[in-house]
Amino acid sequence: MKHFNVLAIDPETNSECTFENVPSNQLRQNEHGETVFFYNDHYPDCEVINVVEVPQEKIDAMLSYFSQYGTANE
């Protein structure tokens, strides 16, 4: 599954925010042809400003790092 860095309007603060590593199944087009971002059940249609695909090499590097070192909460 592809992942994207999404620049969107944060529905809670109403300001621009970057959401990193968003899976492609959280992005869709609305009835007007605009791309929207599924933030959560309360805010299913957040306005998207820009979408950039995360390269597979970066995803693989992050997976390798977390496999080796874990996360801060482990």
Protein backbone atom coordinates (compact mmCIF):
# COMPACT_ATOMS: atom_id res chain seq x y z
CA MET A 1 0.00 0.00 0.00
CA LYS A 2 1.29 3.45 -0.87
CA HIS A 3 1.77 6.09 1.81
CA PHE A 4 1.64 9.86 1.47
CA ASN A 5 2.62 13.00 3.34
CA VAL A 6 -0.55 15.10 3.30
CA LEU A 7 -0.71 18.85 3.85
CA ALA A 8 -4.29 19.47 4.97
CA ILE A 9 -6.41 21.75 7.11
CA ASP A 10 -6.43 20.34 10.64
CA PRO A 11 -10.12 20.16 11.60
CA GLU A 12 -9.45 20.78 15.29
CA THR A 13 -7.23 23.87 14.95
CA ASN A 14 -8.40 25.02 11.49
CA SER A 15 -4.77 25.56 10.42
CA GLU A 16 -2.46 23.87 7.93
CA CYS A 17 -0.85 20.69 9.21
CA THR A 18 1.27 17.94 7.67
CA PHE A 19 0.11 14.39 8.33
CA GLU A 20 2.95 11.97 7.61
CA ASN A 21 2.75 8.42 6.26
CA VAL A 22 -0.98 8.46 5.55
CA PRO A 23 -2.10 5.21 3.88
CA SER A 24 -3.73 5.60 0.49
CA ASN A 25 -7.05 4.23 1.79
CA GLN A 26 -7.53 7.41 3.87
CA LEU A 27 -7.53 9.61 0.76
CA ARG A 28 -10.45 9.85 -1.65
CA GLN A 29 -12.17 12.24 -4.00
CA ASN A 30 -15.46 13.87 -3.02
CA GLU A 31 -18.40 14.57 -5.31
CA HIS A 32 -16.70 17.77 -6.56
CA GLY A 33 -13.53 15.92 -7.60
CA GLU A 34 -11.46 17.36 -4.74
CA THR A 35 -9.11 15.14 -2.76
CA VAL A 36 -10.16 14.82 0.88
CA PHE A 37 -8.47 13.19 3.86
CA PHE A 38 -10.22 10.89 6.35
CA TYR A 39 -9.01 12.24 9.71
CA ASN A 40 -11.40 10.26 11.94
CA ASP A 41 -15.10 9.41 12.25
CA HIS A 42 -15.95 12.94 13.41
CA TYR A 43 -13.99 14.62 10.57
CA PRO A 44 -14.18 12.33 7.53
CA ASP A 45 -13.62 15.01 4.85
CA CYS A 46 -10.65 17.24 5.70
CA GLU A 47 -9.59 19.69 3.00
CA VAL A 48 -6.31 18.62 1.36
CA ILE A 49 -3.83 21.22 0.09
CA ASN A 50 -1.00 19.00 -1.17
CA VAL A 51 -0.15 15.29 -1.35
CA VAL A 52 3.38 13.88 -1.76
CA GLU A 53 4.07 10.16 -2.09
CA VAL A 54 6.55 8.73 0.42
CA PRO A 55 9.28 6.80 -1.44
CA GLN A 56 9.33 3.05 -0.80
CA GLU A 57 13.01 3.31 0.20
CA LYS A 58 12.08 5.56 3.13
CA ILE A 59 9.32 3.20 4.27
CA ASP A 60 11.74 0.27 4.08
CA ALA A 61 14.38 2.21 6.06
CA MET A 62 11.86 3.10 8.79
CA LEU A 63 10.70 -0.52 9.02
CA SER A 64 14.31 -1.69 9.29
CA TYR A 65 15.06 0.84 12.03
CA PHE A 66 12.00 -0.05 14.11
CA SER A 67 12.65 -3.78 13.62
CA GLN A 68 16.16 -3.34 14.96
CA TYR A 69 15.67 -0.71 17.70
CA GLY A 70 11.94 -0.77 18.46
CA THR A 71 10.09 2.36 19.52
CA ALA A 72 10.44 4.71 22.47
CA ASN A 73 7.56 2.99 24.26
CA GLU A 74 9.06 -0.49 24.26
